[in-house]
Amino acid sequence: MKIFIVSLLFNLPLVFSCAVGASSSEVGPVAPSADTIIVMAYNIHHCNPPSESDHIDVDTIAQVIRKQNPDFVALQEVDVHTNRSGKELDQAKQLAELTGMHYYFKKAIDHDGGEYGVAILSRWPIQDTASIQLPIAPDVRHEPRVVALATVTLPSGRIVQFASTHLDLTEETRVLQAAEIVARLGIGAGVLVIGGDFNARPGSKPIQTLEASFQSSCAPADCPYTIPVDKPKATIDYLFYRKSASITVLNHYVVSEKYASDHLPIVATLRLE
């Protein structure tokens, strides 16, 4: 397990476009409390701004995260020691350093001389980590996908599990992967939140499969678009929480950040009842 510890004062949220949360009409940032967490999901495109094909900009991704003042972040498309991003660069560790958060990286594949996968950032120390290898449909030759899972104790003593994932490009495999997530993480009474790029639109079969045990932080009819960044027209990035936990969604919004990645990051404020 990799953990980086730094004390850093976060900036307050600045620029965003809001949408109504799944359980509340309240929008915009909410003041943190012992029983409230701010969660974020961000496909960072290996810190490569799409408008600059050969440029790696970890600083800008970190700035986007800091401005939202999150407690937990689910990151996808993270490079560690790859040739394309820099052999000396561990993006998960660097983002932890720049945001003052703790981190856990889980490799999905070996890529370009290094590793490529998903990561978690946490405001508080990570006590335990785990991962799930997700299935691939027969005869589908796509890259393996994983779930990274971190366990954290809040200052109030509440235990939270937070996960990050990035599902496959094909519907058949996404359904299998969603079912595996439900089977492995959907059972239990504790607080579990999973964020990521699910490559599936609201109402699709993979999302319906997840909804057997999980609730999205945005109402299906109101989930704001996350791709493409210039003229968004589809939602494929989500934050889900386990239905068995008593949680109220205070807000859910998309951050209007068009330079840093090819996905818009999403943020939700959750009150743990």
C-alpha atoms as a PDB file:
ATOM      1  CA  MET A   1       0.000   0.000   0.000  1.00  0.00           C
ATOM      2  CA  LYS A   2       1.279   3.449  -0.896  1.00  0.00           C
ATOM      3  CA  ILE A   3       0.336   6.342   1.347  1.00  0.00           C
ATOM      4  CA  PHE A   4       1.568   9.937   1.240  1.00  0.00           C
ATOM      5  CA  ILE A   5       0.880  12.270   4.148  1.00  0.00           C
ATOM      6  CA  VAL A   6       1.045  16.034   3.822  1.00  0.00           C
ATOM      7  CA  SER A   7      -0.849  18.790   5.579  1.00  0.00           C
ATOM      8  CA  LEU A   8      -2.221  21.345   3.118  1.00  0.00           C
ATOM      9  CA  LEU A   9      -5.020  23.877   3.322  1.00  0.00           C
ATOM     10  CA  PHE A  10      -7.555  23.247   0.558  1.00  0.00           C
ATOM     11  CA  ASN A  11      -9.040  26.047  -1.516  1.00  0.00           C
ATOM     12  CA  LEU A  12     -12.786  26.562  -1.541  1.00  0.00           C
ATOM     13  CA  PRO A  13     -14.760  25.483  -4.640  1.00  0.00           C
ATOM     14  CA  LEU A  14     -14.695  28.149  -7.339  1.00  0.00           C
ATOM     15  CA  VAL A  15     -16.018  27.255 -10.784  1.00  0.00           C
ATOM     16  CA  PHE A  16     -18.720  24.687 -11.410  1.00  0.00           C
ATOM     17  CA  SER A  17     -22.061  24.051 -13.047  1.00  0.00           C
ATOM     18  CA  CYS A  18     -24.666  22.599 -10.732  1.00  0.00           C
ATOM     19  CA  ALA A  19     -27.335  19.962 -11.036  1.00  0.00           C
ATOM     20  CA  VAL A  20     -29.996  18.885  -8.588  1.00  0.00           C
ATOM     21  CA  GLY A  21     -28.870  16.077  -6.296  1.00  0.00           C
ATOM     22  CA  ALA A  22     -30.657  12.761  -6.167  1.00  0.00           C
ATOM     23  CA  SER A  23     -32.102  13.403  -2.709  1.00  0.00           C
ATOM     24  CA  SER A  24     -32.138  17.167  -2.358  1.00  0.00           C
ATOM     25  CA  SER A  25     -32.927  20.348  -4.248  1.00  0.00           C
ATOM     26  CA  GLU A  26     -29.904  22.002  -2.657  1.00  0.00           C
ATOM     27  CA  VAL A  27     -27.061  22.782  -5.075  1.00  0.00           C
ATOM     28  CA  GLY A  28     -23.533  24.108  -4.845  1.00  0.00           C
ATOM     29  CA  PRO A  29     -20.871  23.386  -2.224  1.00  0.00           C
ATOM     30  CA  VAL A  30     -21.934  22.551   1.298  1.00  0.00           C
ATOM     31  CA  ALA A  31     -19.922  23.328   4.435  1.00  0.00           C
ATOM     32  CA  PRO A  32     -18.200  20.139   5.684  1.00  0.00           C
ATOM     33  CA  SER A  33     -19.250  18.561   8.978  1.00  0.00           C
ATOM     34  CA  ALA A  34     -18.391  15.413  10.897  1.00  0.00           C
ATOM     35  CA  ASP A  35     -21.171  13.552   9.115  1.00  0.00           C
ATOM     36  CA  THR A  36     -20.760  15.066   5.642  1.00  0.00           C
ATOM     37  CA  ILE A  37     -18.276  13.994   2.960  1.00  0.00           C
ATOM     38  CA  ILE A  38     -17.472  15.526  -0.403  1.00  0.00           C
ATOM     39  CA  VAL A  39     -16.694  12.890  -3.023  1.00  0.00           C
ATOM     40  CA  MET A  40     -15.323  13.337  -6.532  1.00  0.00           C
ATOM     41  CA  ALA A  41     -14.783  11.171  -9.624  1.00  0.00           C
ATOM     42  CA  TYR A  42     -12.374  12.211 -12.372  1.00  0.00           C
ATOM     43  CA  ASN A  43     -11.067  10.432 -15.455  1.00  0.00           C
ATOM     44  CA  ILE A  44      -7.797  12.356 -15.786  1.00  0.00           C
ATOM     45  CA  HIS A  45      -6.679  11.090 -19.244  1.00  0.00           C
ATOM     46  CA  HIS A  46      -3.195  10.344 -17.784  1.00  0.00           C
ATOM     47  CA  CYS A  47      -2.871  14.088 -17.050  1.00  0.00           C
ATOM     48  CA  ASN A  48      -2.675  14.779 -20.788  1.00  0.00           C
ATOM     49  CA  PRO A  49      -4.724  17.789 -21.929  1.00  0.00           C
ATOM     50  CA  PRO A  50      -6.416  16.609 -25.165  1.00  0.00           C
ATOM     51  CA  SER A  51      -5.512  19.869 -26.905  1.00  0.00           C
ATOM     52  CA  GLU A  52      -1.795  19.192 -26.328  1.00  0.00           C
ATOM     53  CA  SER A  53      -0.998  15.690 -27.497  1.00  0.00           C
ATOM     54  CA  ASP A  54       2.479  15.340 -25.981  1.00  0.00           C
ATOM     55  CA  HIS A  55       2.037  17.442 -22.845  1.00  0.00           C
ATOM     56  CA  ILE A  56       1.610  16.019 -19.326  1.00  0.00           C
ATOM     57  CA  ASP A  57       0.091  18.507 -16.871  1.00  0.00           C
ATOM     58  CA  VAL A  58      -0.236  17.021 -13.395  1.00  0.00           C
ATOM     59  CA  ASP A  59      -0.370  20.467 -11.802  1.00  0.00           C
ATOM     60  CA  THR A  60      -3.593  21.453 -13.558  1.00  0.00           C
ATOM     61  CA  ILE A  61      -5.334  18.209 -12.587  1.00  0.00           C
ATOM     62  CA  ALA A  62      -4.273  18.863  -8.990  1.00  0.00           C
ATOM     63  CA  GLN A  63      -5.616  22.416  -9.164  1.00  0.00           C
ATOM     64  CA  VAL A  64      -8.974  21.142 -10.406  1.00  0.00           C
ATOM     65  CA  ILE A  65      -9.145  18.733  -7.475  1.00  0.00           C
ATOM     66  CA  ARG A  66      -8.043  21.253  -4.858  1.00  0.00           C
ATOM     67  CA  LYS A  67     -10.667  23.794  -5.920  1.00  0.00           C
ATOM     68  CA  GLN A  68     -13.432  21.302  -5.092  1.00  0.00           C
ATOM     69  CA  ASN A  69     -12.099  20.623  -1.583  1.00  0.00           C
ATOM     70  CA  PRO A  70     -12.983  16.900  -1.706  1.00  0.00           C
ATOM     71  CA  ASP A  71     -12.606  14.333   1.031  1.00  0.00           C
ATOM     72  CA  PHE A  72     -12.302  11.446  -1.447  1.00  0.00           C
ATOM     73  CA  VAL A  73     -11.434  11.303  -5.146  1.00  0.00           C
ATOM     74  CA  ALA A  74     -11.818   8.370  -7.546  1.00  0.00           C
ATOM     75  CA  LEU A  75      -9.289   8.715 -10.374  1.00  0.00           C
ATOM     76  CA  GLN A  76      -9.166   6.793 -13.647  1.00  0.00           C
ATOM     77  CA  GLU A  77      -6.555   6.554 -16.424  1.00  0.00           C
ATOM     78  CA  VAL A  78      -3.602   7.079 -14.101  1.00  0.00           C
ATOM     79  CA  ASP A  79      -0.021   6.522 -15.334  1.00  0.00           C
ATOM     80  CA  VAL A  80       2.802   5.325 -13.092  1.00  0.00           C
ATOM     81  CA  HIS A  81       6.354   5.332 -14.536  1.00  0.00           C
ATOM     82  CA  THR A  82       5.234   5.073 -18.174  1.00  0.00           C
ATOM     83  CA  ASN A  83       7.314   6.284 -21.095  1.00  0.00           C
ATOM     84  CA  ARG A  84       4.538   8.530 -22.393  1.00  0.00           C
ATOM     85  CA  SER A  85       4.131  10.399 -19.090  1.00  0.00           C
ATOM     86  CA  GLY A  86       7.722  10.155 -17.853  1.00  0.00           C
ATOM     87  CA  LYS A  87       9.576   7.218 -16.345  1.00  0.00           C
ATOM     88  CA  GLU A  88      10.202   9.131 -13.119  1.00  0.00           C
ATOM     89  CA  LEU A  89       6.571  10.209 -12.740  1.00  0.00           C
ATOM     90  CA  ASP A  90       4.169   8.380 -10.455  1.00  0.00           C
ATOM     91  CA  GLN A  91       0.978  10.330 -11.163  1.00  0.00           C
ATOM     92  CA  ALA A  92      -0.917   8.933  -8.184  1.00  0.00           C
ATOM     93  CA  LYS A  93       1.861   9.882  -5.772  1.00  0.00           C
ATOM     94  CA  GLN A  94       2.379  13.275  -7.385  1.00  0.00           C
ATOM     95  CA  LEU A  95      -1.316  14.139  -7.202  1.00  0.00           C
ATOM     96  CA  ALA A  96      -1.309  13.123  -3.540  1.00  0.00           C
ATOM     97  CA  GLU A  97       1.627  15.427  -2.896  1.00  0.00           C
ATOM     98  CA  LEU A  98       0.069  18.351  -4.768  1.00  0.00           C
ATOM     99  CA  THR A  99      -3.326  18.004  -3.076  1.00  0.00           C
ATOM    100  CA  GLY A 100      -2.121  17.092   0.402  1.00  0.00           C
ATOM    101  CA  MET A 101      -4.038  13.823   0.360  1.00  0.00           C
ATOM    102  CA  HIS A 102      -3.295  10.165   1.013  1.00  0.00           C
ATOM    103  CA  TYR A 103      -3.445   7.771  -1.939  1.00  0.00           C
ATOM    104  CA  TYR A 104      -3.803   4.233  -3.188  1.00  0.00           C
ATOM    105  CA  PHE A 105      -3.028   3.188  -6.768  1.00  0.00           C
ATOM    106  CA  LYS A 106      -4.103  -0.091  -8.340  1.00  0.00           C
ATOM    107  CA  LYS A 107      -2.637  -1.225 -11.634  1.00  0.00           C
ATOM    108  CA  ALA A 108      -5.061  -2.491 -14.270  1.00  0.00           C
ATOM    109  CA  ILE A 109      -2.426  -3.232 -16.927  1.00  0.00           C
ATOM    110  CA  ASP A 110       1.240  -2.942 -17.700  1.00  0.00           C
ATOM    111  CA  HIS A 111       1.549  -0.128 -20.225  1.00  0.00           C
ATOM    112  CA  ASP A 112       4.331   1.604 -22.138  1.00  0.00           C
ATOM    113  CA  GLY A 113       7.098   0.559 -19.788  1.00  0.00           C
ATOM    114  CA  GLY A 114       5.094   1.261 -16.632  1.00  0.00           C
ATOM    115  CA  GLU A 115       1.675   0.802 -15.053  1.00  0.00           C
ATOM    116  CA  TYR A 116      -1.780   2.165 -15.861  1.00  0.00           C
ATOM    117  CA  GLY A 117      -4.880   1.971 -13.727  1.00  0.00           C
ATOM    118  CA  VAL A 118      -7.098   3.644 -11.155  1.00  0.00           C
ATOM    119  CA  ALA A 119      -6.372   5.478  -7.922  1.00  0.00           C
ATOM    120  CA  ILE A 120      -7.987   6.872  -4.788  1.00  0.00           C
ATOM    121  CA  LEU A 121      -7.164  10.089  -2.960  1.00  0.00           C
ATOM    122  CA  SER A 122      -8.315  10.500   0.650  1.00  0.00           C
ATOM    123  CA  ARG A 123      -8.175  13.469   2.994  1.00  0.00           C
ATOM    124  CA  TRP A 124      -7.554  11.068   5.891  1.00  0.00           C
ATOM    125  CA  PRO A 125      -5.087   8.193   6.312  1.00  0.00           C
ATOM    126  CA  ILE A 126      -5.973   5.012   4.466  1.00  0.00           C
ATOM    127  CA  GLN A 127      -6.178   2.122   6.915  1.00  0.00           C
ATOM    128  CA  ASP A 128      -6.695  -0.751   4.526  1.00  0.00           C
ATOM    129  CA  THR A 129      -6.807  -1.390   0.774  1.00  0.00           C
ATOM    130  CA  ALA A 130      -8.171  -4.092  -1.494  1.00  0.00           C
ATOM    131  CA  SER A 131      -8.793  -4.626  -5.184  1.00  0.00           C
ATOM    132  CA  ILE A 132     -11.166  -6.570  -7.403  1.00  0.00           C
ATOM    133  CA  GLN A 133     -10.239  -7.954 -10.815  1.00  0.00           C
ATOM    134  CA  LEU A 134     -13.283  -7.484 -13.037  1.00  0.00           C
ATOM    135  CA  PRO A 135     -14.418 -10.119 -15.562  1.00  0.00           C
ATOM    136  CA  ILE A 136     -14.229  -9.842 -19.337  1.00  0.00           C
ATOM    137  CA  ALA A 137     -16.831 -11.380 -21.654  1.00  0.00           C
ATOM    138  CA  PRO A 138     -15.735 -14.459 -23.605  1.00  0.00           C
ATOM    139  CA  ASP A 139     -14.001 -13.728 -26.919  1.00  0.00           C
ATOM    140  CA  VAL A 140     -13.575 -10.043 -26.006  1.00  0.00           C
ATOM    141  CA  ARG A 141      -9.932  -8.992 -26.177  1.00  0.00           C
ATOM    142  CA  HIS A 142      -9.917  -5.820 -24.146  1.00  0.00           C
ATOM    143  CA  GLU A 143      -7.665  -4.594 -21.375  1.00  0.00           C
ATOM    144  CA  PRO A 144      -8.335  -5.907 -17.856  1.00  0.00           C
ATOM    145  CA  ARG A 145     -10.294  -3.635 -15.527  1.00  0.00           C
ATOM    146  CA  VAL A 146     -10.116  -3.354 -11.747  1.00  0.00           C
ATOM    147  CA  VAL A 147     -11.735  -1.803  -8.702  1.00  0.00           C
ATOM    148  CA  ALA A 148      -9.509  -0.128  -6.116  1.00  0.00           C
ATOM    149  CA  LEU A 149     -10.967  -0.009  -2.600  1.00  0.00           C
ATOM    150  CA  ALA A 150      -9.768   1.968   0.417  1.00  0.00           C
ATOM    151  CA  THR A 151     -11.028   1.917   3.999  1.00  0.00           C
ATOM    152  CA  VAL A 152     -10.852   5.145   6.010  1.00  0.00           C
ATOM    153  CA  THR A 153     -11.985   6.179   9.476  1.00  0.00           C
ATOM    154  CA  LEU A 154     -13.410   9.710   9.613  1.00  0.00           C
ATOM    155  CA  PRO A 155     -12.559  12.016  12.528  1.00  0.00           C
ATOM    156  CA  SER A 156     -16.034  11.266  13.898  1.00  0.00           C
ATOM    157  CA  GLY A 157     -15.112   7.571  14.114  1.00  0.00           C
ATOM    158  CA  ARG A 158     -17.330   6.621  11.171  1.00  0.00           C
ATOM    159  CA  ILE A 159     -15.781   4.028   8.822  1.00  0.00           C
ATOM    160  CA  VAL A 160     -16.088   4.719   5.093  1.00  0.00           C
ATOM    161  CA  GLN A 161     -15.092   2.504   2.197  1.00  0.00           C
ATOM    162  CA  PHE A 162     -14.352   4.358  -1.030  1.00  0.00           C
ATOM    163  CA  ALA A 163     -13.726   2.769  -4.424  1.00  0.00           C
ATOM    164  CA  SER A 164     -12.611   3.750  -7.914  1.00  0.00           C
ATOM    165  CA  THR A 165     -13.194   1.893 -11.164  1.00  0.00           C
ATOM    166  CA  HIS A 166     -13.233   2.190 -14.952  1.00  0.00           C
ATOM    167  CA  LEU A 167     -15.501  -0.200 -16.828  1.00  0.00           C
ATOM    168  CA  ASP A 168     -15.001  -1.719 -20.280  1.00  0.00           C
ATOM    169  CA  LEU A 169     -15.932  -0.272 -23.668  1.00  0.00           C
ATOM    170  CA  THR A 170     -18.310  -3.109 -24.604  1.00  0.00           C
ATOM    171  CA  GLU A 171     -21.827  -3.468 -23.206  1.00  0.00           C
ATOM    172  CA  GLU A 172     -21.546  -7.226 -22.743  1.00  0.00           C
ATOM    173  CA  THR A 173     -18.453  -6.918 -20.575  1.00  0.00           C
ATOM    174  CA  ARG A 174     -19.776  -3.879 -18.690  1.00  0.00           C
ATOM    175  CA  VAL A 175     -22.828  -5.867 -17.598  1.00  0.00           C
ATOM    176  CA  LEU A 176     -20.580  -8.640 -16.246  1.00  0.00           C
ATOM    177  CA  GLN A 177     -18.397  -6.107 -14.481  1.00  0.00           C
ATOM    178  CA  ALA A 178     -21.371  -4.299 -12.954  1.00  0.00           C
ATOM    179  CA  ALA A 179     -22.720  -7.632 -11.709  1.00  0.00           C
ATOM    180  CA  GLU A 180     -19.335  -8.440 -10.141  1.00  0.00           C
ATOM    181  CA  ILE A 181     -19.295  -5.095  -8.338  1.00  0.00           C
ATOM    182  CA  VAL A 182     -22.796  -5.752  -6.993  1.00  0.00           C
ATOM    183  CA  ALA A 183     -21.839  -9.259  -5.872  1.00  0.00           C
ATOM    184  CA  ARG A 184     -18.608  -8.169  -4.169  1.00  0.00           C
ATOM    185  CA  LEU A 185     -19.491  -4.738  -2.797  1.00  0.00           C
ATOM    186  CA  GLY A 186     -23.274  -4.426  -2.796  1.00  0.00           C
ATOM    187  CA  ILE A 187     -23.820  -6.437   0.367  1.00  0.00           C
ATOM    188  CA  GLY A 188     -23.395  -4.911   3.801  1.00  0.00           C
ATOM    189  CA  ALA A 189     -24.691  -2.109   5.982  1.00  0.00           C
ATOM    190  CA  GLY A 190     -21.627   0.125   6.107  1.00  0.00           C
ATOM    191  CA  VAL A 191     -20.933   3.246   4.064  1.00  0.00           C
ATOM    192  CA  LEU A 192     -19.441   2.408   0.672  1.00  0.00           C
ATOM    193  CA  VAL A 193     -19.105   4.889  -2.206  1.00  0.00           C
ATOM    194  CA  ILE A 194     -17.789   3.974  -5.644  1.00  0.00           C
ATOM    195  CA  GLY A 195     -16.933   6.506  -8.321  1.00  0.00           C
ATOM    196  CA  GLY A 196     -15.578   6.268 -11.796  1.00  0.00           C
ATOM    197  CA  ASP A 197     -15.923   6.152 -15.535  1.00  0.00           C
ATOM    198  CA  PHE A 198     -18.560   3.481 -16.114  1.00  0.00           C
ATOM    199  CA  ASN A 199     -18.691   3.961 -19.913  1.00  0.00           C
ATOM    200  CA  ALA A 200     -22.485   3.577 -19.690  1.00  0.00           C
ATOM    201  CA  ARG A 201     -25.383   5.992 -19.964  1.00  0.00           C
ATOM    202  CA  PRO A 202     -28.242   6.339 -17.474  1.00  0.00           C
ATOM    203  CA  GLY A 203     -30.854   3.635 -18.009  1.00  0.00           C
ATOM    204  CA  SER A 204     -28.433   1.268 -19.761  1.00  0.00           C
ATOM    205  CA  LYS A 205     -28.205  -2.341 -18.635  1.00  0.00           C
ATOM    206  CA  PRO A 206     -24.922  -1.939 -16.713  1.00  0.00           C
ATOM    207  CA  ILE A 207     -26.345   1.002 -14.770  1.00  0.00           C
ATOM    208  CA  GLN A 208     -29.584  -0.875 -14.096  1.00  0.00           C
ATOM    209  CA  THR A 209     -27.478  -3.786 -12.816  1.00  0.00           C
ATOM    210  CA  LEU A 210     -25.624  -1.509 -10.399  1.00  0.00           C
ATOM    211  CA  GLU A 211     -28.889   0.044  -9.240  1.00  0.00           C
ATOM    212  CA  ALA A 212     -29.907  -3.275  -7.694  1.00  0.00           C
ATOM    213  CA  SER A 213     -27.622  -2.440  -4.756  1.00  0.00           C
ATOM    214  CA  PHE A 214     -26.367   1.093  -5.366  1.00  0.00           C
ATOM    215  CA  GLN A 215     -27.921   4.533  -5.663  1.00  0.00           C
ATOM    216  CA  SER A 216     -26.455   7.176  -7.943  1.00  0.00           C
ATOM    217  CA  SER A 217     -25.769  10.601  -6.460  1.00  0.00           C
ATOM    218  CA  CYS A 218     -27.738  12.101  -9.357  1.00  0.00           C
ATOM    219  CA  ALA A 219     -31.284  11.208 -10.362  1.00  0.00           C
ATOM    220  CA  PRO A 220     -31.193   9.233 -13.662  1.00  0.00           C
ATOM    221  CA  ALA A 221     -33.185  11.887 -15.516  1.00  0.00           C
ATOM    222  CA  ASP A 222     -31.025  14.696 -14.103  1.00  0.00           C
ATOM    223  CA  CYS A 223     -27.462  13.351 -14.286  1.00  0.00           C
ATOM    224  CA  PRO A 224     -25.431  16.153 -15.883  1.00  0.00           C
ATOM    225  CA  TYR A 225     -23.354  15.332 -18.947  1.00  0.00           C
ATOM    226  CA  THR A 226     -19.662  14.533 -18.516  1.00  0.00           C
ATOM    227  CA  ILE A 227     -18.407  14.058 -22.098  1.00  0.00           C
ATOM    228  CA  PRO A 228     -17.178  15.539 -24.361  1.00  0.00           C
ATOM    229  CA  VAL A 229     -15.815  18.503 -22.440  1.00  0.00           C
ATOM    230  CA  ASP A 230     -16.471  21.149 -25.111  1.00  0.00           C
ATOM    231  CA  LYS A 231     -20.121  20.363 -25.779  1.00  0.00           C
ATOM    232  CA  PRO A 232     -21.162  17.663 -23.294  1.00  0.00           C
ATOM    233  CA  LYS A 233     -23.919  15.375 -24.537  1.00  0.00           C
ATOM    234  CA  ALA A 234     -23.599  12.155 -22.530  1.00  0.00           C
ATOM    235  CA  THR A 235     -23.225  10.980 -18.935  1.00  0.00           C
ATOM    236  CA  ILE A 236     -20.820   8.098 -18.319  1.00  0.00           C
ATOM    237  CA  ASP A 237     -19.143   9.183 -15.056  1.00  0.00           C
ATOM    238  CA  TYR A 238     -20.942   8.492 -11.762  1.00  0.00           C
ATOM    239  CA  LEU A 239     -20.747   8.366  -7.997  1.00  0.00           C
ATOM    240  CA  PHE A 240     -22.734   5.524  -6.428  1.00  0.00           C
ATOM    241  CA  TYR A 241     -23.342   4.693  -2.778  1.00  0.00           C
ATOM    242  CA  ARG A 242     -24.560   1.468  -1.235  1.00  0.00           C
ATOM    243  CA  LYS A 243     -28.338   1.608  -0.803  1.00  0.00           C
ATOM    244  CA  SER A 244     -28.281  -0.133   2.554  1.00  0.00           C
ATOM    245  CA  ALA A 245     -26.441   2.833   4.084  1.00  0.00           C
ATOM    246  CA  SER A 246     -28.501   5.790   5.246  1.00  0.00           C
ATOM    247  CA  ILE A 247     -27.191   8.629   3.070  1.00  0.00           C
ATOM    248  CA  THR A 248     -28.696  11.903   1.880  1.00  0.00           C
ATOM    249  CA  VAL A 249     -27.336  13.558  -1.261  1.00  0.00           C
ATOM    250  CA  LEU A 250     -27.004  17.290  -0.621  1.00  0.00           C
ATOM    251  CA  ASN A 251     -25.769  18.099  -4.110  1.00  0.00           C
ATOM    252  CA  HIS A 252     -24.285  16.667  -7.289  1.00  0.00           C
ATOM    253  CA  TYR A 253     -22.565  18.775  -9.930  1.00  0.00           C
ATOM    254  CA  VAL A 254     -20.184  18.708 -12.851  1.00  0.00           C
ATOM    255  CA  VAL A 255     -17.051  20.854 -12.776  1.00  0.00           C
ATOM    256  CA  SER A 256     -16.826  22.939 -15.932  1.00  0.00           C
ATOM    257  CA  GLU A 257     -13.116  22.295 -16.628  1.00  0.00           C
ATOM    258  CA  LYS A 258     -12.438  21.903 -20.351  1.00  0.00           C
ATOM    259  CA  TYR A 259      -8.636  21.894 -20.621  1.00  0.00           C
ATOM    260  CA  ALA A 260      -7.169  19.316 -18.264  1.00  0.00           C
ATOM    261  CA  SER A 261      -8.875  16.100 -19.445  1.00  0.00           C
ATOM    262  CA  ASP A 262     -11.367  14.693 -21.956  1.00  0.00           C
ATOM    263  CA  HIS A 263     -13.875  14.104 -19.117  1.00  0.00           C
ATOM    264  CA  LEU A 264     -15.579  16.607 -16.855  1.00  0.00           C
ATOM    265  CA  PRO A 265     -15.095  15.732 -13.181  1.00  0.00           C
ATOM    266  CA  ILE A 266     -18.143  15.204 -10.973  1.00  0.00           C
ATOM    267  CA  VAL A 267     -18.616  16.063  -7.307  1.00  0.00           C
ATOM    268  CA  ALA A 268     -21.290  15.161  -4.745  1.00  0.00           C
ATOM    269  CA  THR A 269     -21.823  16.063  -1.124  1.00  0.00           C
ATOM    270  CA  LEU A 270     -23.180  13.199   0.978  1.00  0.00           C
ATOM    271  CA  ARG A 271     -24.585  13.415   4.472  1.00  0.00           C
ATOM    272  CA  LEU A 272     -24.124  10.213   6.463  1.00  0.00           C
ATOM    273  CA  GLU A 273     -27.264   9.767   8.575  1.00  0.00           C
END
